[in-house]
Amino acid sequence: MANTTQFNAGTPIKIAIMAMGGQGGGVLADWTVDLAEHAGWWAQTTSVPGVAQRTGATIYYVELMPGAAVEAAGRAPTLAMMPTPGDVDLAVAAELMEAGRAIQRGLVTPDRTTLISSSHRAYAVSEKAAPGNGIGDSNKVIEVGNEASKRFICSDLQALADQAGSVISASMFGAMAGSGALPFTREQFEETIRRSGKGVNPSLKAFDLGFQSAANAPVTASKIDFSKPVTEIPETASHPKVRALLDDIKTNFPAPAQPMLVAGLRRTLDFQDLRYAQEYMEHMRNIHKLDSQFGGLAKSWALTTAAARYVAVAMAYDDVIRVADLKTRGTRFDRVRDEVLAKPNQLVYTTEYMHPQVAEICGLMPAALGRWMQDSKSISNFINIFCRKGRFLQSGTLSGFLMLYVLGGVRRFRRGTLRHQVEAKSLQQYLQLIERTVRQDYDLAVEVVNCRRLVKGYSDTHERGNSKYQRLLRAAADLPGQANAATRLKLLRDAALADPEGTQLDKMLAQTAQPAAA
């Protein structure tokens, strides 16, 4: 592809590469230098480490100067050590938010910079730790990228690398070649990969996919479609009793709620057993009956649809047994092997970090014993001695696997544990509040159902979320009959989701309580 970027004679080509640890940004920079030097250019690369952000975001900076220009000047060039805002010809990002950071830093300008970015995301700690949806808006970055750059090329380069069995640096190198932003031929790029001598064939395949993606990219980068496919409703099920539950969904529940009901049925079956899934369906029959009585048809069955999701979430809670069960499944080991690109003859050991607290250990016990242990200060303090720091466990070893496997097998006794009794009581209170509320305010009842979104995870995460959830339910119990009750509860829930500590929620609850007290 012909070079589409115009450079000033005697001025180096300036390239900024943004990548996180392990994404091969250094390899990409070294390839670029090797490419230029073998073409008779002067080249220099430096790296500017960033702060600890998703294993460390680093800017690799490359400057290239034509050999003829150096000879004409009669002296070796002095090249810069780091990029300067407004003075970058090509910016390459290994992840979409790194492209956003490049734009924020001023490294991307509309009159000069070609911006290449992978569209996939590697979420920051702040995004993953948010109580609600803390994920940054990818389409906002794409929108700004189109405006801020001379040309923005954006595609899922990580997926292309995975497809080729290679790493993202190879597909990024291909995108650089396919963009036409550098004055080198495709053959020169490919020879650079061959000279590296490592994983040449997969790298060349990933290079080709990246090249084609960039060469055929639209003039304006397209936004990402985040709409999720609707859960397919199976025609039948192998087990006759599961088939009966599936037929019940298709026959007796409204179409808008059926996909989520199927997902809820699968979740409760996977969490416990058939009887547990039947309990879930019984709860849903009761809610659908209320929905039919109090205006669900006119509301597109919003109550049944929301409850189909969150009743299943409430029943399939996260506990130590669930965690151990998931960590010992064959599908999980297969997924880990795929993620690390392990070869068939390679052994992969996964080190698990476990940090159970007193509540998790007591919750695992038979209800009476667990309650006694939890209420006993001396017993709790003794257990806490062993819970002060986390433990590392290799689930790929026989001893580690057996420990987790036996713990996961305790699920057959789960109904008798303290944790299950606590969760069952909480679920009953939740369902009773929904029933009382829908008789007075349908929209408020839907918002009550959605409050369950706050409860997730285990240990401290579960404790914080459950605390805010309980406060919301107490507030919801007082809202029926008040003006804009559903809107007010939604605002309270949004405040709880936006603030991990719940400070903003407490302020809003205090303001809500003041008029009533007056």
Protein backbone atom coordinates (compact mmCIF):
# COMPACT_ATOMS: atom_id res chain seq x y z
CA MET A 1 0.00 0.00 0.00
CA ALA A 2 1.32 3.44 -0.88
CA ASN A 3 2.51 5.77 1.84
CA THR A 4 -0.31 8.18 2.74
CA THR A 5 1.64 10.33 5.20
CA GLN A 6 3.69 13.35 4.13
CA PHE A 7 6.91 14.03 6.04
CA ASN A 8 9.16 17.07 6.02
CA ALA A 9 12.64 16.55 4.61
CA GLY A 10 15.23 16.31 7.35
CA THR A 11 12.58 15.73 10.02
CA PRO A 12 12.35 12.29 11.65
CA ILE A 13 9.22 10.15 11.56
CA LYS A 14 7.87 10.09 15.10
CA ILE A 15 6.01 7.04 16.39
CA ALA A 16 4.41 6.56 19.83
CA ILE A 17 3.40 3.03 20.86
CA MET A 18 1.13 2.66 23.91
CA ALA A 19 1.00 -0.80 25.45
CA MET A 20 0.60 -2.54 28.78
CA GLY A 21 2.93 -5.05 30.32
CA GLY A 22 2.92 -8.33 28.43
CA GLN A 23 1.40 -6.93 25.23
CA GLY A 24 4.65 -6.84 23.31
CA GLY A 25 5.03 -3.08 22.96
CA GLY A 26 8.78 -3.48 23.29
CA VAL A 27 8.82 -6.15 20.59
CA LEU A 28 6.83 -3.89 18.27
CA ALA A 29 9.25 -1.00 18.88
CA ASP A 30 12.26 -3.25 18.26
CA TRP A 31 10.71 -4.57 15.06
CA THR A 32 10.14 -1.00 13.87
CA VAL A 33 13.77 -0.10 14.53
CA ASP A 34 15.01 -3.26 12.79
CA LEU A 35 12.72 -2.54 9.83
CA ALA A 36 14.10 0.98 9.42
CA GLU A 37 17.76 0.09 9.91
CA HIS A 38 17.65 -2.65 7.29
CA ALA A 39 16.09 -0.11 4.92
CA GLY A 40 19.08 2.22 5.45
CA TRP A 41 17.45 4.56 7.97
CA TRP A 42 18.66 5.85 11.30
CA ALA A 43 16.43 4.69 14.17
CA GLN A 44 16.14 5.06 17.92
CA THR A 45 13.71 3.68 20.48
CA THR A 46 13.12 4.55 24.12
CA SER A 47 10.47 3.60 26.65
CA VAL A 48 8.70 5.74 29.22
CA PRO A 49 7.19 3.52 31.95
CA GLY A 50 3.82 4.60 33.31
CA VAL A 51 2.32 4.19 36.76
CA ALA A 52 0.95 0.82 37.90
CA GLN A 53 -2.13 0.59 35.72
CA ARG A 54 -3.26 -2.86 34.57
CA THR A 55 0.30 -4.22 35.04
CA GLY A 56 1.92 -0.97 33.88
CA ALA A 57 1.15 1.12 30.80
CA THR A 58 4.31 2.11 28.90
CA ILE A 59 4.93 4.51 26.03
CA TYR A 60 7.52 3.20 23.57
CA TYR A 61 8.83 6.04 21.43
CA VAL A 62 10.53 5.55 18.07
CA GLU A 63 12.13 8.12 15.78
CA LEU A 64 13.23 7.26 12.23
CA MET A 65 15.43 9.40 9.97
CA PRO A 66 16.17 8.64 6.29
CA GLY A 67 19.80 7.71 5.72
CA ALA A 68 20.02 10.11 2.76
CA ALA A 69 18.98 13.03 4.96
CA VAL A 70 21.64 12.11 7.50
CA GLU A 71 24.33 11.96 4.80
CA ALA A 72 23.22 15.33 3.43
CA ALA A 73 23.48 16.89 6.88
CA GLY A 74 26.96 15.50 7.30
CA ARG A 75 26.47 14.49 10.93
CA ALA A 76 24.61 11.99 13.05
CA PRO A 77 21.10 13.15 14.01
CA THR A 78 20.07 14.01 17.54
CA LEU A 79 16.80 12.18 18.16
CA ALA A 80 14.32 12.83 20.97
CA MET A 81 13.88 10.54 23.95
CA MET A 82 10.12 10.91 24.41
CA PRO A 83 7.08 12.09 22.44
CA THR A 84 6.00 15.71 22.51
CA PRO A 85 2.33 16.75 22.36
CA GLY A 86 1.39 17.83 18.86
CA ASP A 87 4.52 16.28 17.34
CA VAL A 88 3.68 12.63 16.59
CA ASP A 89 3.14 11.16 13.12
CA LEU A 90 1.91 7.69 14.06
CA ALA A 91 0.34 6.61 17.36
CA VAL A 92 -0.31 2.90 17.95
CA ALA A 93 -2.32 1.64 20.93
CA ALA A 94 -2.58 -2.00 22.02
CA GLU A 95 -5.90 -1.34 23.78
CA LEU A 96 -8.67 1.17 23.20
CA MET A 97 -8.33 3.17 26.42
CA GLU A 98 -4.61 3.55 25.72
CA ALA A 99 -5.68 5.29 22.52
CA GLY A 100 -7.80 7.55 24.71
CA ARG A 101 -4.79 8.28 26.91
CA ALA A 102 -2.73 9.20 23.85
CA ILE A 103 -5.43 11.65 22.82
CA GLN A 104 -5.57 13.10 26.34
CA ARG A 105 -1.80 13.60 26.35
CA GLY A 106 -2.01 15.56 23.11
CA LEU A 107 -0.06 12.97 21.13
CA VAL A 108 -2.79 12.78 18.49
CA THR A 109 -3.53 15.77 16.24
CA PRO A 110 -6.02 16.05 13.35
CA ASP A 111 -3.57 17.63 10.91
CA ARG A 112 -0.83 15.06 11.32
CA THR A 113 -1.37 11.87 13.33
CA THR A 114 -2.50 8.50 12.05
CA LEU A 115 -3.96 6.66 15.07
CA ILE A 116 -4.09 2.85 15.09
CA SER A 117 -5.76 1.06 17.99
CA SER A 118 -7.11 -2.32 18.91
CA SER A 119 -10.78 -2.04 19.81
CA HIS A 120 -10.66 -4.64 22.61
CA ARG A 121 -10.52 -3.68 26.28
CA ALA A 122 -8.30 -4.70 29.19
CA TYR A 123 -10.21 -3.27 32.12
CA ALA A 124 -8.54 -1.07 34.73
CA VAL A 125 -8.83 -1.97 38.42
CA SER A 126 -11.17 0.98 38.96
CA GLU A 127 -13.50 -0.35 36.24
CA LYS A 128 -13.58 -3.88 37.65
CA ALA A 129 -13.99 -2.76 41.27
CA ALA A 130 -16.95 -0.44 40.66
CA PRO A 131 -20.17 -1.66 42.37
CA GLY A 132 -22.15 -1.05 39.20
CA ASN A 133 -21.03 -0.80 35.60
CA GLY A 134 -17.76 1.12 35.87
CA ILE A 135 -16.56 0.28 32.36
CA GLY A 136 -15.47 3.29 30.33
CA ASP A 137 -17.43 4.17 27.21
CA SER A 138 -15.46 2.66 24.31
CA ASN A 139 -17.59 4.40 21.70
CA LYS A 140 -16.79 7.77 23.23
CA VAL A 141 -13.10 7.08 22.63
CA ILE A 142 -13.84 6.08 19.04
CA GLU A 143 -15.90 9.22 18.52
CA VAL A 144 -13.13 11.45 19.90
CA GLY A 145 -10.48 9.47 18.02
CA ASN A 146 -12.18 10.18 14.70
CA GLU A 147 -12.18 13.89 15.49
CA ALA A 148 -8.71 14.15 17.02
CA SER A 149 -6.68 12.24 14.41
CA LYS A 150 -5.90 12.66 10.75
CA ARG A 151 -7.07 9.08 10.35
CA PHE A 152 -8.27 6.58 12.95
CA ILE A 153 -7.95 2.85 12.24
CA CYS A 154 -9.67 0.76 14.89
CA SER A 155 -10.26 -3.01 14.86
CA ASP A 156 -9.93 -5.91 17.27
CA LEU A 157 -6.24 -6.66 16.78
CA GLN A 158 -6.21 -8.96 19.81
CA ALA A 159 -8.88 -11.18 18.25
CA LEU A 160 -6.89 -11.28 15.01
CA ALA A 161 -3.77 -12.31 16.92
CA ASP A 162 -5.71 -15.02 18.75
CA GLN A 163 -7.12 -16.25 15.45
CA ALA A 164 -3.57 -16.65 14.14
CA GLY A 165 -2.27 -18.25 17.33
CA SER A 166 0.13 -15.36 17.82
CA VAL A 167 0.43 -12.20 19.93
CA ILE A 168 -1.00 -8.72 19.43
CA SER A 169 2.36 -7.14 18.54
CA ALA A 170 2.29 -9.09 15.25
CA SER A 171 -1.19 -7.92 14.25
CA MET A 172 -0.29 -4.36 15.31
CA PHE A 173 2.80 -4.52 13.09
CA GLY A 174 0.55 -5.63 10.24
CA ALA A 175 -1.83 -2.74 10.89
CA MET A 176 1.09 -0.31 10.77
CA ALA A 177 2.06 -1.73 7.37
CA GLY A 178 -1.50 -1.81 6.05
CA SER A 179 -2.21 1.77 7.11
CA GLY A 180 0.34 3.16 4.64
CA ALA A 181 1.61 5.50 7.35
CA LEU A 182 5.23 4.37 6.97
CA PRO A 183 7.37 4.49 3.78
CA PHE A 184 8.27 0.79 3.74
CA THR A 185 6.96 -2.09 1.64
CA ARG A 186 5.01 -5.04 2.96
CA GLU A 187 7.94 -7.31 2.05
CA GLN A 188 10.25 -5.24 4.27
CA PHE A 189 7.84 -5.59 7.19
CA GLU A 190 7.56 -9.35 6.70
CA GLU A 191 11.33 -9.79 6.44
CA THR A 192 11.63 -8.08 9.82
CA ILE A 193 9.44 -10.77 11.39
CA ARG A 194 11.43 -13.52 9.68
CA ARG A 195 14.67 -12.10 11.04
CA SER A 196 13.30 -12.30 14.59
CA GLY A 197 13.32 -16.10 14.30
CA LYS A 198 10.61 -16.63 16.93
CA GLY A 199 7.09 -17.85 16.17
CA VAL A 200 7.59 -16.71 12.59
CA ASN A 201 4.67 -18.49 10.89
CA PRO A 202 1.97 -17.53 13.44
CA SER A 203 3.36 -13.98 13.53
CA LEU A 204 3.21 -13.70 9.74
CA LYS A 205 -0.38 -14.94 9.78
CA ALA A 206 -1.32 -12.37 12.44
CA PHE A 207 0.59 -9.74 10.46
CA ASP A 208 -1.47 -10.54 7.36
CA LEU A 209 -4.75 -10.29 9.26
CA GLY A 210 -3.70 -6.96 10.78
CA PHE A 211 -2.52 -5.71 7.38
CA GLN A 212 -5.83 -6.56 5.68
CA SER A 213 -7.79 -5.03 8.55
CA ALA A 214 -5.97 -1.70 8.24
CA ALA A 215 -5.79 -1.67 4.45
CA ASN A 216 -9.55 -2.20 4.19
CA ALA A 217 -10.51 -0.02 7.15
CA PRO A 218 -13.25 2.57 6.61
CA VAL A 219 -12.33 6.24 6.41
CA THR A 220 -14.03 6.78 9.76
CA ALA A 221 -13.70 4.20 12.53
CA SER A 222 -17.04 2.55 13.25
CA LYS A 223 -18.59 2.40 16.70
CA ILE A 224 -18.80 -0.93 18.51
CA ASP A 225 -22.14 -2.71 18.75
CA PHE A 226 -22.53 -3.73 22.40
CA SER A 227 -26.02 -5.16 22.08
CA LYS A 228 -26.07 -8.66 23.52
CA PRO A 229 -27.64 -11.52 21.61
CA VAL A 230 -30.91 -12.72 23.09
CA THR A 231 -30.65 -16.06 24.89
CA GLU A 232 -31.92 -18.78 22.61
CA ILE A 233 -34.76 -20.86 23.98
CA PRO A 234 -33.96 -24.56 23.49
CA GLU A 235 -36.46 -26.72 21.69
CA THR A 236 -36.21 -29.39 24.35
CA ALA A 237 -34.07 -30.79 27.18
CA SER A 238 -32.63 -34.26 27.71
CA HIS A 239 -33.95 -34.67 31.27
CA PRO A 240 -37.76 -35.09 31.36
CA LYS A 241 -38.22 -32.93 34.48
CA VAL A 242 -36.06 -30.15 33.04
CA ARG A 243 -38.06 -30.49 29.81
CA ALA A 244 -41.24 -29.94 31.81
CA LEU A 245 -39.82 -26.72 33.29
CA LEU A 246 -38.77 -25.55 29.84
CA ASP A 247 -42.24 -26.27 28.46
CA ASP A 248 -43.72 -24.35 31.39
CA ILE A 249 -41.65 -21.28 30.41
CA LYS A 250 -42.67 -21.47 26.76
CA THR A 251 -46.35 -22.08 27.52
CA ASN A 252 -47.19 -20.06 30.60
CA PHE A 253 -44.87 -17.05 30.58
CA PRO A 254 -44.84 -13.98 28.30
CA ALA A 255 -42.38 -13.93 25.40
CA PRO A 256 -40.34 -10.91 26.65
CA ALA A 257 -39.47 -12.78 29.86
CA GLN A 258 -38.72 -16.19 28.37
CA PRO A 259 -35.02 -15.70 27.44
CA MET A 260 -34.17 -14.47 30.93
CA LEU A 261 -36.20 -17.25 32.51
CA VAL A 262 -34.21 -19.82 30.54
CA ALA A 263 -30.98 -18.17 31.73
CA GLY A 264 -32.26 -18.21 35.32
CA LEU A 265 -33.26 -21.86 35.04
CA ARG A 266 -29.80 -22.78 33.79
CA ARG A 267 -28.13 -20.79 36.54
CA THR A 268 -30.06 -22.34 39.41
CA LEU A 269 -29.63 -25.84 37.95
CA ASP A 270 -25.90 -25.30 37.66
CA PHE A 271 -25.69 -23.77 41.14
CA GLN A 272 -27.47 -26.55 43.03
CA ASP A 273 -29.82 -29.17 41.56
CA LEU A 274 -33.17 -29.84 39.89
CA ARG A 275 -35.18 -29.26 43.05
CA TYR A 276 -33.54 -25.85 43.44
CA ALA A 277 -34.46 -24.97 39.84
CA GLN A 278 -38.05 -26.03 40.57
CA GLU A 279 -38.06 -23.67 43.55
CA TYR A 280 -36.92 -20.88 41.25
CA MET A 281 -39.75 -21.59 38.83
CA GLU A 282 -42.27 -21.62 41.69
CA HIS A 283 -41.10 -18.15 42.76
CA MET A 284 -41.43 -16.96 39.17
CA ARG A 285 -44.97 -18.36 38.82
CA ASN A 286 -46.02 -16.37 41.87
CA ILE A 287 -44.41 -13.18 40.56
CA HIS A 288 -45.94 -13.63 37.11
CA LYS A 289 -49.36 -14.10 38.71
CA LEU A 290 -48.92 -10.77 40.53
CA ASP A 291 -47.66 -9.20 37.31
CA SER A 292 -50.83 -10.31 35.51
CA GLN A 293 -53.08 -8.96 38.25
CA PHE A 294 -51.52 -5.51 38.57
CA GLY A 295 -50.93 -4.28 35.02
CA GLY A 296 -48.04 -6.28 33.64
CA LEU A 297 -49.51 -6.56 30.15
CA ALA A 298 -49.53 -2.77 29.72
CA LYS A 299 -45.97 -2.58 31.10
CA SER A 300 -44.58 -5.26 28.73
CA TRP A 301 -44.21 -7.63 31.68
CA ALA A 302 -41.37 -5.58 33.16
CA LEU A 303 -41.76 -7.11 36.63
CA THR A 304 -41.53 -10.73 35.46
CA THR A 305 -38.59 -9.98 33.16
CA ALA A 306 -36.60 -8.18 35.85
CA ALA A 307 -37.42 -10.79 38.49
CA ALA A 308 -36.40 -13.64 36.17
CA ARG A 309 -32.87 -12.27 36.33
CA TYR A 310 -32.51 -11.09 39.89
CA VAL A 311 -34.35 -13.89 41.67
CA ALA A 312 -31.92 -16.28 39.97
CA VAL A 313 -29.01 -14.07 41.02
CA ALA A 314 -30.29 -14.05 44.61
CA MET A 315 -30.64 -17.82 44.66
CA ALA A 316 -27.29 -18.55 42.97
CA TYR A 317 -25.22 -16.46 45.36
CA ASP A 318 -21.42 -16.54 45.54
CA ASP A 319 -20.07 -18.65 48.38
CA VAL A 320 -16.92 -20.67 49.10
CA ILE A 321 -18.53 -23.82 47.72
CA ARG A 322 -19.39 -22.11 44.44
CA VAL A 323 -15.89 -20.66 44.05
CA ALA A 324 -14.26 -24.05 44.66
CA ASP A 325 -16.65 -25.74 42.23
CA LEU A 326 -15.90 -23.28 39.42
CA LYS A 327 -12.14 -23.44 39.95
CA THR A 328 -12.05 -27.24 39.49
CA ARG A 329 -14.13 -27.53 36.33
CA GLY A 330 -12.46 -28.89 33.22
CA THR A 331 -13.82 -26.01 31.14
CA ARG A 332 -11.94 -23.57 33.35
CA PHE A 333 -8.62 -25.38 32.90
CA ASP A 334 -9.23 -25.44 29.14
CA ARG A 335 -9.96 -21.72 29.11
CA VAL A 336 -6.77 -20.92 31.03
CA ARG A 337 -4.73 -23.00 28.60
CA ASP A 338 -6.30 -21.15 25.68
CA GLU A 339 -5.63 -17.76 27.26
CA VAL A 340 -1.92 -18.48 27.79
CA LEU A 341 -1.61 -20.11 24.35
CA ALA A 342 -0.29 -23.34 25.87
CA LYS A 343 0.79 -26.07 23.50
CA PRO A 344 -0.64 -29.62 23.90
CA ASN A 345 2.62 -30.91 25.37
CA GLN A 346 2.98 -28.08 27.90
CA LEU A 347 1.94 -28.26 31.55
CA VAL A 348 0.02 -25.28 32.95
CA TYR A 349 -0.30 -24.68 36.68
CA THR A 350 -2.75 -22.13 38.00
CA THR A 351 -2.05 -20.48 41.33
CA GLU A 352 -5.24 -19.52 43.14
CA TYR A 353 -5.36 -16.72 45.68
CA MET A 354 -7.71 -17.60 48.54
CA HIS A 355 -8.52 -15.25 51.41
CA PRO A 356 -11.62 -16.51 53.27
CA GLN A 357 -12.87 -14.47 56.20
CA VAL A 358 -14.53 -15.57 59.43
CA ALA A 359 -17.99 -15.10 57.89
CA GLU A 360 -17.16 -17.44 54.96
CA ILE A 361 -15.83 -20.17 57.26
CA CYS A 362 -18.78 -19.96 59.65
CA GLY A 363 -21.18 -19.81 56.70
CA LEU A 364 -19.80 -23.10 55.44
CA MET A 365 -20.74 -24.90 58.66
CA PRO A 366 -24.09 -26.51 59.57
CA ALA A 367 -26.41 -23.67 60.54
CA ALA A 368 -26.47 -24.23 64.31
CA LEU A 369 -22.72 -24.78 64.56
CA GLY A 370 -21.91 -21.88 62.25
CA ARG A 371 -24.14 -19.50 64.21
CA TRP A 372 -22.53 -20.57 67.49
CA MET A 373 -19.04 -20.07 66.06
CA GLN A 374 -19.97 -16.68 64.63
CA ASP A 375 -21.59 -15.45 67.86
CA SER A 376 -18.71 -16.63 70.02
CA LYS A 377 -16.13 -13.87 70.27
CA SER A 378 -13.37 -16.25 71.36
CA ILE A 379 -14.04 -18.71 68.53
CA SER A 380 -14.25 -15.90 65.96
CA ASN A 381 -10.97 -14.41 67.20
CA PHE A 382 -9.30 -17.81 67.01
CA ILE A 383 -10.47 -18.35 63.42
CA ASN A 384 -9.38 -14.84 62.52
CA ILE A 385 -5.78 -15.76 63.36
CA PHE A 386 -5.76 -17.96 60.25
CA CYS A 387 -7.58 -15.36 58.11
CA ARG A 388 -5.21 -12.43 58.49
CA LYS A 389 -3.53 -13.03 55.17
CA GLY A 390 -4.40 -14.82 51.99
CA ARG A 391 -3.18 -18.21 50.88
CA PHE A 392 -1.82 -19.35 47.52
CA LEU A 393 -2.99 -22.71 46.23
CA GLN A 394 -2.02 -24.53 43.03
CA SER A 395 -5.19 -26.07 41.64
CA GLY A 396 -3.14 -28.02 39.07
CA THR A 397 -1.45 -30.16 41.72
CA LEU A 398 -3.11 -33.25 43.16
CA SER A 399 -3.34 -31.91 46.72
CA GLY A 400 -4.56 -28.47 45.64
CA PHE A 401 -7.11 -29.87 43.23
CA LEU A 402 -8.47 -32.41 45.70
CA MET A 403 -8.85 -29.75 48.38
CA LEU A 404 -10.94 -27.56 46.09
CA TYR A 405 -12.80 -30.50 44.56
CA VAL A 406 -13.91 -31.82 47.95
CA LEU A 407 -14.94 -28.32 49.01
CA GLY A 408 -16.95 -27.89 45.80
CA GLY A 409 -18.63 -31.26 46.45
CA VAL A 410 -20.04 -29.90 49.72
CA ARG A 411 -22.77 -28.28 47.63
CA ARG A 412 -24.98 -31.37 48.19
CA PHE A 413 -25.12 -30.26 51.85
CA ARG A 414 -25.45 -26.56 51.05
CA ARG A 415 -29.08 -26.25 52.15
CA GLY A 416 -28.04 -27.06 55.71
CA THR A 417 -25.29 -24.44 55.94
CA LEU A 418 -25.56 -21.17 57.82
CA ARG A 419 -24.88 -19.15 54.67
CA HIS A 420 -27.75 -20.76 52.82
CA GLN A 421 -30.18 -20.10 55.66
CA VAL A 422 -29.12 -16.44 55.73
CA GLU A 423 -29.55 -16.14 51.96
CA ALA A 424 -32.90 -17.97 51.99
CA LYS A 425 -34.23 -15.61 54.66
CA SER A 426 -33.01 -12.59 52.70
CA LEU A 427 -34.67 -13.93 49.54
CA GLN A 428 -37.97 -14.42 51.36
CA GLN A 429 -37.92 -10.83 52.64
CA TYR A 430 -37.13 -9.64 49.11
CA LEU A 431 -40.03 -11.55 47.58
CA GLN A 432 -42.45 -10.37 50.28
CA LEU A 433 -41.48 -6.73 49.69
CA ILE A 434 -42.02 -7.16 45.94
CA GLU A 435 -45.48 -8.63 46.58
CA ARG A 436 -46.51 -5.84 48.96
CA THR A 437 -45.16 -3.11 46.70
CA VAL A 438 -46.68 -4.27 43.39
CA ARG A 439 -50.15 -4.06 44.93
CA GLN A 440 -49.66 -0.32 45.43
CA ASP A 441 -47.09 0.81 42.83
CA TYR A 442 -46.08 -1.37 39.87
CA ASP A 443 -43.14 0.79 38.74
CA LEU A 444 -41.77 0.94 42.28
CA ALA A 445 -41.95 -2.86 42.51
CA VAL A 446 -39.79 -3.15 39.38
CA GLU A 447 -37.23 -0.85 40.97
CA VAL A 448 -37.31 -2.96 44.15
CA VAL A 449 -36.47 -6.01 42.03
CA ASN A 450 -33.54 -4.17 40.42
CA CYS A 451 -32.06 -3.28 43.82
CA ARG A 452 -30.67 -6.82 43.98
CA ARG A 453 -28.06 -5.66 41.49
CA LEU A 454 -26.07 -4.29 44.42
CA VAL A 455 -25.33 -7.69 45.94
CA LYS A 456 -22.43 -9.55 44.35
CA GLY A 457 -19.19 -11.34 45.14
CA TYR A 458 -18.18 -12.55 48.57
CA SER A 459 -16.17 -11.43 51.60
CA ASP A 460 -15.80 -7.62 51.89
CA THR A 461 -17.33 -7.00 48.46
CA HIS A 462 -20.48 -8.91 49.42
CA GLU A 463 -20.67 -7.24 52.82
CA ARG A 464 -20.52 -3.70 51.39
CA GLY A 465 -23.03 -4.46 48.65
CA ASN A 466 -25.43 -6.25 50.97
CA SER A 467 -25.29 -3.38 53.48
CA LYS A 468 -26.36 -0.88 50.81
CA TYR A 469 -28.97 -3.30 49.48
CA GLN A 470 -30.57 -3.66 52.93
CA ARG A 471 -30.66 0.12 53.36
CA LEU A 472 -32.36 0.48 49.99
CA LEU A 473 -35.01 -2.11 50.84
CA ARG A 474 -35.78 -0.33 54.12
CA ALA A 475 -36.17 2.93 52.20
CA ALA A 476 -38.32 1.21 49.55
CA ALA A 477 -40.72 -0.10 52.22
CA ASP A 478 -41.60 3.51 53.11
CA LEU A 479 -42.01 4.79 49.53
CA PRO A 480 -45.38 3.31 48.37
CA GLY A 481 -47.96 6.06 48.07
CA GLN A 482 -45.37 8.83 47.74
CA ALA A 483 -44.96 10.94 44.60
CA ASN A 484 -42.36 9.73 42.08
CA ALA A 485 -41.54 6.78 44.34
CA ALA A 486 -40.00 4.64 41.57
CA THR A 487 -37.81 7.51 40.36
CA ARG A 488 -36.64 8.25 43.88
CA LEU A 489 -35.66 4.63 44.52
CA LYS A 490 -33.81 4.50 41.19
CA LEU A 491 -31.84 7.62 42.14
CA LEU A 492 -30.95 6.03 45.47
CA ARG A 493 -29.83 2.85 43.72
CA ASP A 494 -27.72 4.79 41.21
CA ALA A 495 -26.05 6.63 44.10
CA ALA A 496 -25.30 3.32 45.81
CA LEU A 497 -23.80 1.87 42.62
CA ALA A 498 -21.65 4.95 42.01
CA ASP A 499 -20.12 5.02 45.50
CA PRO A 500 -18.38 1.88 46.82
CA GLU A 501 -18.50 3.08 50.42
CA GLY A 502 -22.14 4.21 50.32
CA THR A 503 -21.45 7.74 51.60
CA GLN A 504 -23.56 9.41 48.93
CA LEU A 505 -26.39 6.95 49.57
CA ASP A 506 -26.39 7.79 53.29
CA LYS A 507 -26.62 11.51 52.50
CA MET A 508 -29.56 10.98 50.15
CA LEU A 509 -31.32 8.70 52.64
CA ALA A 510 -30.89 11.35 55.34
CA GLN A 511 -32.36 14.01 53.05
CA THR A 512 -35.27 11.71 52.20
CA ALA A 513 -35.97 11.07 55.88
CA GLN A 514 -35.95 14.75 56.94
CA PRO A 515 -39.35 15.76 55.48
CA ALA A 516 -40.96 12.67 56.96
CA ALA A 517 -39.49 13.43 60.36
CA ALA A 518 -40.70 17.01 60.15
